[in-house]
PDB file of all heavy atoms in Angstrom:
ATOM      1  N   ALA A   1      91.445 100.014  91.247  1.00  0.00           N
ATOM      2  CA  ALA A   1      92.115 100.437  92.464  1.00  0.00           C
ATOM      3  C   ALA A   1      93.603 100.009  92.420  1.00  0.00           C
ATOM      4  O   ALA A   1      94.479 100.734  92.935  1.00  0.00           O
ATOM      5  CB  ALA A   1      91.436  99.773  93.681  1.00  0.00           C
ATOM      6  N   ALA A   2      93.899  98.867  91.788  1.00  0.00           N
ATOM      7  CA  ALA A   2      95.250  98.336  91.774  1.00  0.00           C
ATOM      8  C   ALA A   2      96.212  99.231  91.040  1.00  0.00           C
ATOM      9  O   ALA A   2      97.437  99.227  91.291  1.00  0.00           O
ATOM     10  CB  ALA A   2      95.260  96.920  91.242  1.00  0.00           C
ATOM     11  N   VAL A   3      95.720 100.083  90.109  1.00  0.00           N
ATOM     12  CA  VAL A   3      96.584 100.810  89.237  1.00  0.00           C
ATOM     13  C   VAL A   3      96.462 102.342  89.418  1.00  0.00           C
ATOM     14  O   VAL A   3      97.203 103.089  88.847  1.00  0.00           O
ATOM     15  CB  VAL A   3      96.368 100.489  87.739  1.00  0.00           C
ATOM     16  CG1 VAL A   3      96.638  99.021  87.500  1.00  0.00           C
ATOM     17  CG2 VAL A   3      94.940 100.859  87.318  1.00  0.00           C
ATOM     18  N   GLU A   4      95.531 102.753  90.278  1.00  0.00           N
ATOM     19  CA  GLU A   4      95.279 104.147  90.496  1.00  0.00           C
ATOM     20  C   GLU A   4      96.376 104.803  91.369  1.00  0.00           C
ATOM     21  O   GLU A   4      96.731 104.266  92.390  1.00  0.00           O
ATOM     22  CB  GLU A   4      93.917 104.398  91.152  1.00  0.00           C
ATOM     23  CG  GLU A   4      93.567 105.839  91.442  1.00  0.00           C
ATOM     24  CD  GLU A   4      93.550 106.681  90.172  1.00  0.00           C
ATOM     25  OE1 GLU A   4      92.829 106.312  89.224  1.00  0.00           O
ATOM     26  OE2 GLU A   4      94.321 107.678  90.168  1.00  0.00           O
ATOM     27  N   ILE A   5      96.991 105.932  90.870  1.00  0.00           N
ATOM     28  CA  ILE A   5      98.064 106.527  91.688  1.00  0.00           C
ATOM     29  C   ILE A   5      97.633 107.798  92.400  1.00  0.00           C
ATOM     30  O   ILE A   5      98.266 108.228  93.322  1.00  0.00           O
ATOM     31  CB  ILE A   5      99.288 106.830  90.767  1.00  0.00           C
ATOM     32  CG1 ILE A   5      98.923 107.818  89.668  1.00  0.00           C
ATOM     33  CG2 ILE A   5      99.894 105.557  90.229  1.00  0.00           C
ATOM     34  CD1 ILE A   5     100.125 108.274  88.898  1.00  0.00           C
ATOM     35  N   ASP A   6      96.513 108.401  91.959  1.00  0.00           N
ATOM     36  CA  ASP A   6      96.017 109.589  92.713  1.00  0.00           C
ATOM     37  C   ASP A   6      95.404 109.054  94.026  1.00  0.00           C
ATOM     38  O   ASP A   6      94.507 108.261  94.043  1.00  0.00           O
ATOM     39  CB  ASP A   6      94.924 110.258  91.909  1.00  0.00           C
ATOM     40  CG  ASP A   6      94.354 111.442  92.659  1.00  0.00           C
ATOM     41  OD1 ASP A   6      94.982 112.501  92.716  1.00  0.00           O
ATOM     42  OD2 ASP A   6      93.213 111.314  93.235  1.00  0.00           O
ATOM     43  N   GLN A   7      95.920 109.578  95.165  1.00  0.00           N
ATOM     44  CA  GLN A   7      95.586 109.035  96.465  1.00  0.00           C
ATOM     45  C   GLN A   7      94.114 109.203  96.794  1.00  0.00           C
ATOM     46  O   GLN A   7      93.453 108.301  97.362  1.00  0.00           O
ATOM     47  CB  GLN A   7      96.429 109.642  97.553  1.00  0.00           C
ATOM     48  CG  GLN A   7      96.344 108.903  98.892  1.00  0.00           C
ATOM     49  CD  GLN A   7      96.689 107.438  98.818  1.00  0.00           C
ATOM     50  OE1 GLN A   7      97.728 107.070  98.208  1.00  0.00           O
ATOM     51  NE2 GLN A   7      95.885 106.614  99.411  1.00  0.00           N
ATOM     52  N   THR A   8      93.501 110.316  96.443  1.00  0.00           N
ATOM     53  CA  THR A   8      92.120 110.574  96.717  1.00  0.00           C
ATOM     54  C   THR A   8      91.224 109.594  95.940  1.00  0.00           C
ATOM     55  O   THR A   8      90.320 108.966  96.511  1.00  0.00           O
ATOM     56  CB  THR A   8      91.720 112.010  96.353  1.00  0.00           C
ATOM     57  OG1 THR A   8      92.545 112.898  97.154  1.00  0.00           O
ATOM     58  CG2 THR A   8      90.263 112.280  96.708  1.00  0.00           C
ATOM     59  N   THR A   9      91.460 109.456  94.654  1.00  0.00           N
ATOM     60  CA  THR A   9      90.720 108.541  93.824  1.00  0.00           C
ATOM     61  C   THR A   9      90.952 107.119  94.271  1.00  0.00           C
ATOM     62  O   THR A   9      89.988 106.281  94.323  1.00  0.00           O
ATOM     63  CB  THR A   9      91.109 108.698  92.343  1.00  0.00           C
ATOM     64  OG1 THR A   9      90.935 110.057  91.979  1.00  0.00           O
ATOM     65  CG2 THR A   9      90.258 107.796  91.470  1.00  0.00           C
ATOM     66  N   ARG A  10      92.178 106.802  94.619  1.00  0.00           N
ATOM     67  CA  ARG A  10      92.548 105.481  95.081  1.00  0.00           C
ATOM     68  C   ARG A  10      91.756 105.073  96.336  1.00  0.00           C
ATOM     69  O   ARG A  10      91.186 103.982  96.443  1.00  0.00           O
ATOM     70  CB  ARG A  10      94.029 105.453  95.377  1.00  0.00           C
ATOM     71  CG  ARG A  10      94.695 104.087  95.488  1.00  0.00           C
ATOM     72  CD  ARG A  10      96.222 104.218  95.494  1.00  0.00           C
ATOM     73  NE  ARG A  10      96.841 102.905  95.478  1.00  0.00           N
ATOM     74  CZ  ARG A  10      97.503 102.414  96.497  1.00  0.00           C
ATOM     75  NH1 ARG A  10      97.705 103.150  97.601  1.00  0.00           N
ATOM     76  NH2 ARG A  10      98.011 101.187  96.441  1.00  0.00           N
ATOM     77  N   THR A  11      91.688 105.991  97.286  1.00  0.00           N
ATOM     78  CA  THR A  11      90.969 105.725  98.520  1.00  0.00           C
ATOM     79  C   THR A  11      89.466 105.493  98.244  1.00  0.00           C
ATOM     80  O   THR A  11      88.850 104.595  98.813  1.00  0.00           O
ATOM     81  CB  THR A  11      91.109 106.898  99.522  1.00  0.00           C
ATOM     82  OG1 THR A  11      92.532 107.020  99.853  1.00  0.00           O
ATOM     83  CG2 THR A  11      90.324 106.686 100.784  1.00  0.00           C
ATOM     84  N   LYS A  12      88.893 106.325  97.347  1.00  0.00           N
ATOM     85  CA  LYS A  12      87.451 106.118  96.999  1.00  0.00           C
ATOM     86  C   LYS A  12      87.239 104.778  96.351  1.00  0.00           C
ATOM     87  O   LYS A  12      86.202 104.104  96.653  1.00  0.00           O
ATOM     88  CB  LYS A  12      87.028 107.214  96.033  1.00  0.00           C
ATOM     89  CG  LYS A  12      86.924 108.603  96.680  1.00  0.00           C
ATOM     90  CD  LYS A  12      86.477 109.651  95.683  1.00  0.00           C
ATOM     91  CE  LYS A  12      86.353 111.031  96.297  1.00  0.00           C
ATOM     92  NZ  LYS A  12      85.970 112.071  95.312  1.00  0.00           N
ATOM     93  N   LEU A  13      88.106 104.281  95.526  1.00  0.00           N
ATOM     94  CA  LEU A  13      87.958 102.982  94.920  1.00  0.00           C
ATOM     95  C   LEU A  13      88.034 101.864  95.959  1.00  0.00           C
ATOM     96  O   LEU A  13      87.265 100.890  95.900  1.00  0.00           O
ATOM     97  CB  LEU A  13      89.044 102.786  93.817  1.00  0.00           C
ATOM     98  CG  LEU A  13      88.826 103.562  92.574  1.00  0.00           C
ATOM     99  CD1 LEU A  13      90.100 103.529  91.684  1.00  0.00           C
ATOM    100  CD2 LEU A  13      87.621 103.022  91.743  1.00  0.00           C
ATOM    101  N   TYR A  14      88.973 101.961  96.900  1.00  0.00           N
ATOM    102  CA  TYR A  14      89.040 100.975  97.933  1.00  0.00           C
ATOM    103  C   TYR A  14      87.854 101.010  98.854  1.00  0.00           C
ATOM    104  O   TYR A  14      87.387  99.915  99.323  1.00  0.00           O
ATOM    105  CB  TYR A  14      90.358 101.075  98.731  1.00  0.00           C
ATOM    106  CG  TYR A  14      91.521 100.459  98.023  1.00  0.00           C
ATOM    107  CD1 TYR A  14      92.512 101.214  97.407  1.00  0.00           C
ATOM    108  CD2 TYR A  14      91.629  99.044  97.960  1.00  0.00           C
ATOM    109  CE1 TYR A  14      93.566 100.638  96.718  1.00  0.00           C
ATOM    110  CE2 TYR A  14      92.713  98.488  97.300  1.00  0.00           C
ATOM    111  CZ  TYR A  14      93.639  99.256  96.689  1.00  0.00           C
ATOM    112  OH  TYR A  14      94.693  98.685  96.000  1.00  0.00           O
ATOM    113  N   ASP A  15      87.319 102.170  99.120  1.00  0.00           N
ATOM    114  CA  ASP A  15      86.059 102.313  99.862  1.00  0.00           C
ATOM    115  C   ASP A  15      84.935 101.532  99.141  1.00  0.00           C
ATOM    116  O   ASP A  15      84.210 100.746  99.787  1.00  0.00           O
ATOM    117  CB  ASP A  15      85.692 103.776 100.002  1.00  0.00           C
ATOM    118  CG  ASP A  15      86.491 104.491 101.043  1.00  0.00           C
ATOM    119  OD1 ASP A  15      87.293 103.852 101.738  1.00  0.00           O
ATOM    120  OD2 ASP A  15      86.305 105.718 101.193  1.00  0.00           O
ATOM    121  N   GLU A  16      84.805 101.822  97.848  1.00  0.00           N
ATOM    122  CA  GLU A  16      83.744 101.201  97.049  1.00  0.00           C
ATOM    123  C   GLU A  16      83.915  99.670  97.021  1.00  0.00           C
ATOM    124  O   GLU A  16      82.917  98.889  97.124  1.00  0.00           O
ATOM    125  CB  GLU A  16      83.774 101.779  95.649  1.00  0.00           C
ATOM    126  CG  GLU A  16      82.638 101.294  94.744  1.00  0.00           C
ATOM    127  CD  GLU A  16      82.704 101.905  93.333  1.00  0.00           C
ATOM    128  OE1 GLU A  16      83.627 102.648  93.079  1.00  0.00           O
ATOM    129  OE2 GLU A  16      81.815 101.539  92.514  1.00  0.00           O
ATOM    130  N   TRP A  17      85.178  99.229  96.802  1.00  0.00           N
ATOM    131  CA  TRP A  17      85.468  97.819  96.778  1.00  0.00           C
ATOM    132  C   TRP A  17      85.073  97.118  98.052  1.00  0.00           C
ATOM    133  O   TRP A  17      84.456  96.020  98.019  1.00  0.00           O
ATOM    134  CB  TRP A  17      86.971  97.639  96.475  1.00  0.00           C
ATOM    135  CG  TRP A  17      87.407  96.226  96.400  1.00  0.00           C
ATOM    136  CD1 TRP A  17      87.197  95.350  95.416  1.00  0.00           C
ATOM    137  CD2 TRP A  17      88.155  95.496  97.398  1.00  0.00           C
ATOM    138  NE1 TRP A  17      87.814  94.118  95.704  1.00  0.00           N
ATOM    139  CE2 TRP A  17      88.391  94.195  96.910  1.00  0.00           C
ATOM    140  CE3 TRP A  17      88.691  95.880  98.627  1.00  0.00           C
ATOM    141  CZ2 TRP A  17      89.110  93.250  97.616  1.00  0.00           C
ATOM    142  CZ3 TRP A  17      89.390  94.915  99.380  1.00  0.00           C
ATOM    143  CH2 TRP A  17      89.628  93.626  98.853  1.00  0.00           C
ATOM    144  N   GLN A  18      85.396  97.719  99.190  1.00  0.00           N
ATOM    145  CA  GLN A  18      85.081  97.070 100.479  1.00  0.00           C
ATOM    146  C   GLN A  18      83.579  97.029 100.770  1.00  0.00           C
ATOM    147  O   GLN A  18      83.052  96.121 101.347  1.00  0.00           O
ATOM    148  CB  GLN A  18      85.809  97.763 101.604  1.00  0.00           C
ATOM    149  CG  GLN A  18      87.348  97.489 101.574  1.00  0.00           C
ATOM    150  CD  GLN A  18      88.052  98.261 102.712  1.00  0.00           C
ATOM    151  OE1 GLN A  18      88.285  97.727 103.796  1.00  0.00           O
ATOM    152  NE2 GLN A  18      88.341  99.517 102.462  1.00  0.00           N
ATOM    153  N   LYS A  19      82.906  98.123 100.366  1.00  0.00           N
ATOM    154  CA  LYS A  19      81.468  98.131 100.573  1.00  0.00           C
ATOM    155  C   LYS A  19      80.758  96.997  99.830  1.00  0.00           C
ATOM    156  O   LYS A  19      79.856  96.344 100.303  1.00  0.00           O
ATOM    157  CB  LYS A  19      80.899  99.485 100.214  1.00  0.00           C
ATOM    158  CG  LYS A  19      81.271 100.612 101.178  1.00  0.00           C
ATOM    159  CD  LYS A  19      80.793 101.977 100.692  1.00  0.00           C
ATOM    160  CE  LYS A  19      81.229 103.066 101.637  1.00  0.00           C
ATOM    161  NZ  LYS A  19      80.801 104.405 101.132  1.00  0.00           N
ATOM    162  N   LYS A  20      81.217  96.796  98.583  1.00  0.00           N
ATOM    163  CA  LYS A  20      80.723  95.665  97.766  1.00  0.00           C
ATOM    164  C   LYS A  20      81.096  94.320  98.411  1.00  0.00           C
ATOM    165  O   LYS A  20      80.342  93.384  98.411  1.00  0.00           O
ATOM    166  CB  LYS A  20      81.269  95.769  96.336  1.00  0.00           C
ATOM    167  CG  LYS A  20      80.727  96.944  95.526  1.00  0.00           C
ATOM    168  CD  LYS A  20      79.295  96.639  95.086  1.00  0.00           C
ATOM    169  CE  LYS A  20      78.781  97.705  94.125  1.00  0.00           C
ATOM    170  NZ  LYS A  20      77.354  97.452  93.769  1.00  0.00           N
ATOM    171  N   LEU A  21      82.317  94.276  98.911  1.00  0.00           N
ATOM    172  CA  LEU A  21      82.807  93.055  99.611  1.00  0.00           C
ATOM    173  C   LEU A  21      81.891  92.725 100.775  1.00  0.00           C
ATOM    174  O   LEU A  21      81.550  91.557 100.993  1.00  0.00           O
ATOM    175  CB  LEU A  21      84.264  93.244 100.024  1.00  0.00           C
ATOM    176  CG  LEU A  21      85.032  91.996 100.440  1.00  0.00           C
ATOM    177  CD1 LEU A  21      85.412  91.155  99.233  1.00  0.00           C
ATOM    178  CD2 LEU A  21      86.317  92.398 101.192  1.00  0.00           C
ATOM    179  N   ASN A  22      81.587  93.749 101.562  1.00  0.00           N
ATOM    180  CA  ASN A  22      80.673  93.549 102.725  1.00  0.00           C
ATOM    181  C   ASN A  22      79.331  93.015 102.299  1.00  0.00           C
ATOM    182  O   ASN A  22      78.737  92.183 103.023  1.00  0.00           O
ATOM    183  CB  ASN A  22      80.492  94.882 103.479  1.00  0.00           C
ATOM    184  CG  ASN A  22      81.763  95.266 104.300  1.00  0.00           C
ATOM    185  OD1 ASN A  22      82.642  94.510 104.481  1.00  0.00           O
ATOM    186  ND2 ASN A  22      81.703  96.504 104.787  1.00  0.00           N
ATOM    187  N   ALA A  23      78.816  93.518 101.199  1.00  0.00           N
ATOM    188  CA  ALA A  23      77.459  93.176 100.772  1.00  0.00           C
ATOM    189  C   ALA A  23      77.362  91.851 100.036  1.00  0.00           C
ATOM    190  O   ALA A  23      76.397  91.114 100.185  1.00  0.00           O
ATOM    191  CB  ALA A  23      76.914  94.261  99.873  1.00  0.00           C
ATOM    192  N   GLU A  24      78.421  91.451  99.286  1.00  0.00           N
ATOM    193  CA  GLU A  24      78.333  90.323  98.365  1.00  0.00           C
ATOM    194  C   GLU A  24      79.323  89.216  98.700  1.00  0.00           C
ATOM    195  O   GLU A  24      79.140  88.042  98.242  1.00  0.00           O
ATOM    196  CB  GLU A  24      78.545  90.761  96.931  1.00  0.00           C
ATOM    197  CG  GLU A  24      77.491  91.780  96.461  1.00  0.00           C
ATOM    198  CD  GLU A  24      77.813  92.260  95.042  1.00  0.00           C
ATOM    199  OE1 GLU A  24      78.489  91.541  94.314  1.00  0.00           O
ATOM    200  OE2 GLU A  24      77.383  93.398  94.701  1.00  0.00           O
ATOM    201  N   GLY A  25      80.426  89.525  99.369  1.00  0.00           N
ATOM    202  CA  GLY A  25      81.482  88.533  99.562  1.00  0.00           C
ATOM    203  C   GLY A  25      81.251  87.625 100.723  1.00  0.00           C
ATOM    204  O   GLY A  25      80.348  87.841 101.555  1.00  0.00           O
ATOM    205  N   PRO A  26      82.048  86.561 100.827  1.00  0.00           N
ATOM    206  CA  PRO A  26      81.922  85.646 101.950  1.00  0.00           C
ATOM    207  C   PRO A  26      82.568  86.079 103.230  1.00  0.00           C
ATOM    208  O   PRO A  26      82.447  85.421 104.273  1.00  0.00           O
ATOM    209  CB  PRO A  26      82.586  84.381 101.384  1.00  0.00           C
ATOM    210  CG  PRO A  26      83.612  84.896 100.435  1.00  0.00           C
ATOM    211  CD  PRO A  26      83.015  86.151  99.833  1.00  0.00           C
ATOM    212  N   PHE A  27      83.345  87.225 103.193  1.00  0.00           N
ATOM    213  CA  PHE A  27      84.120  87.632 104.344  1.00  0.00           C
ATOM    214  C   PHE A  27      83.397  88.708 105.162  1.00  0.00           C
ATOM    215  O   PHE A  27      82.734  89.573 104.596  1.00  0.00           O
ATOM    216  CB  PHE A  27      85.455  88.242 103.830  1.00  0.00           C
ATOM    217  CG  PHE A  27      86.294  87.322 103.029  1.00  0.00           C
ATOM    218  CD1 PHE A  27      86.349  87.461 101.653  1.00  0.00           C
ATOM    219  CD2 PHE A  27      87.014  86.283 103.601  1.00  0.00           C
ATOM    220  CE1 PHE A  27      87.112  86.607 100.877  1.00  0.00           C
ATOM    221  CE2 PHE A  27      87.761  85.439 102.859  1.00  0.00           C
ATOM    222  CZ  PHE A  27      87.815  85.599 101.438  1.00  0.00           C
ATOM    223  N   THR A  28      83.654  88.659 106.477  1.00  0.00           N
ATOM    224  CA  THR A  28      83.200  89.741 107.325  1.00  0.00           C
ATOM    225  C   THR A  28      84.304  90.010 108.421  1.00  0.00           C
ATOM    226  O   THR A  28      84.661  89.075 109.115  1.00  0.00           O
ATOM    227  CB  THR A  28      81.880  89.381 108.074  1.00  0.00           C
ATOM    228  OG1 THR A  28      80.905  89.074 107.087  1.00  0.00           O
ATOM    229  CG2 THR A  28      81.387  90.523 108.922  1.00  0.00           C
ATOM    230  N   GLY A  29      84.769  91.239 108.472  1.00  0.00           N
ATOM    231  CA  GLY A  29      85.744  91.576 109.484  1.00  0.00           C
ATOM    232  C   GLY A  29      85.116  91.584 110.853  1.00  0.00           C
ATOM    233  O   GLY A  29      84.032  92.135 111.051  1.00  0.00           O
ATOM    234  N   LEU A  30      85.785  91.000 111.869  1.00  0.00           N
ATOM    235  CA  LEU A  30      85.266  90.923 113.223  1.00  0.00           C
ATOM    236  C   LEU A  30      85.951  91.921 114.136  1.00  0.00           C
ATOM    237  O   LEU A  30      85.305  92.709 114.806  1.00  0.00           O
ATOM    238  CB  LEU A  30      85.411  89.555 113.765  1.00  0.00           C
ATOM    239  CG  LEU A  30      84.627  88.413 113.049  1.00  0.00           C
ATOM    240  CD1 LEU A  30      84.971  87.036 113.616  1.00  0.00           C
ATOM    241  CD2 LEU A  30      83.091  88.670 113.133  1.00  0.00           C
ATOM    242  N   PHE A  31      87.258  91.870 114.205  1.00  0.00           N
ATOM    243  CA  PHE A  31      88.011  92.795 115.111  1.00  0.00           C
ATOM    244  C   PHE A  31      89.468  92.784 114.787  1.00  0.00           C
ATOM    245  O   PHE A  31      90.015  91.851 114.175  1.00  0.00           O
ATOM    246  CB  PHE A  31      87.763  92.476 116.586  1.00  0.00           C
ATOM    247  CG  PHE A  31      88.274  91.138 117.003  1.00  0.00           C
ATOM    248  CD1 PHE A  31      89.559  90.985 117.541  1.00  0.00           C
ATOM    249  CD2 PHE A  31      87.455  90.048 116.918  1.00  0.00           C
ATOM    250  CE1 PHE A  31      90.028  89.749 117.950  1.00  0.00           C
ATOM    251  CE2 PHE A  31      87.891  88.775 117.330  1.00  0.00           C
ATOM    252  CZ  PHE A  31      89.188  88.656 117.849  1.00  0.00           C
ATOM    253  N   GLN A  32      90.150  93.820 115.189  1.00  0.00           N
ATOM    254  CA  GLN A  32      91.615  93.889 115.252  1.00  0.00           C
ATOM    255  C   GLN A  32      92.009  93.738 116.697  1.00  0.00           C
ATOM    256  O   GLN A  32      91.675  94.616 117.521  1.00  0.00           O
ATOM    257  CB  GLN A  32      92.163  95.194 114.682  1.00  0.00           C
ATOM    258  CG  GLN A  32      91.923  95.393 113.186  1.00  0.00           C
ATOM    259  CD  GLN A  32      92.170  96.820 112.755  1.00  0.00           C
ATOM    260  OE1 GLN A  32      91.366  97.407 112.063  1.00  0.00           O
ATOM    261  NE2 GLN A  32      93.297  97.407 113.177  1.00  0.00           N
TER     262      GLN A  32
END
């Protein structure tokens, strides 16, 4: 994701990264 310049592919990678973060990481977003 850090090096991808195509915006569509880039967005998909960040989507995938966050879904994994939600499932496995210690962080959970609460609110803005």
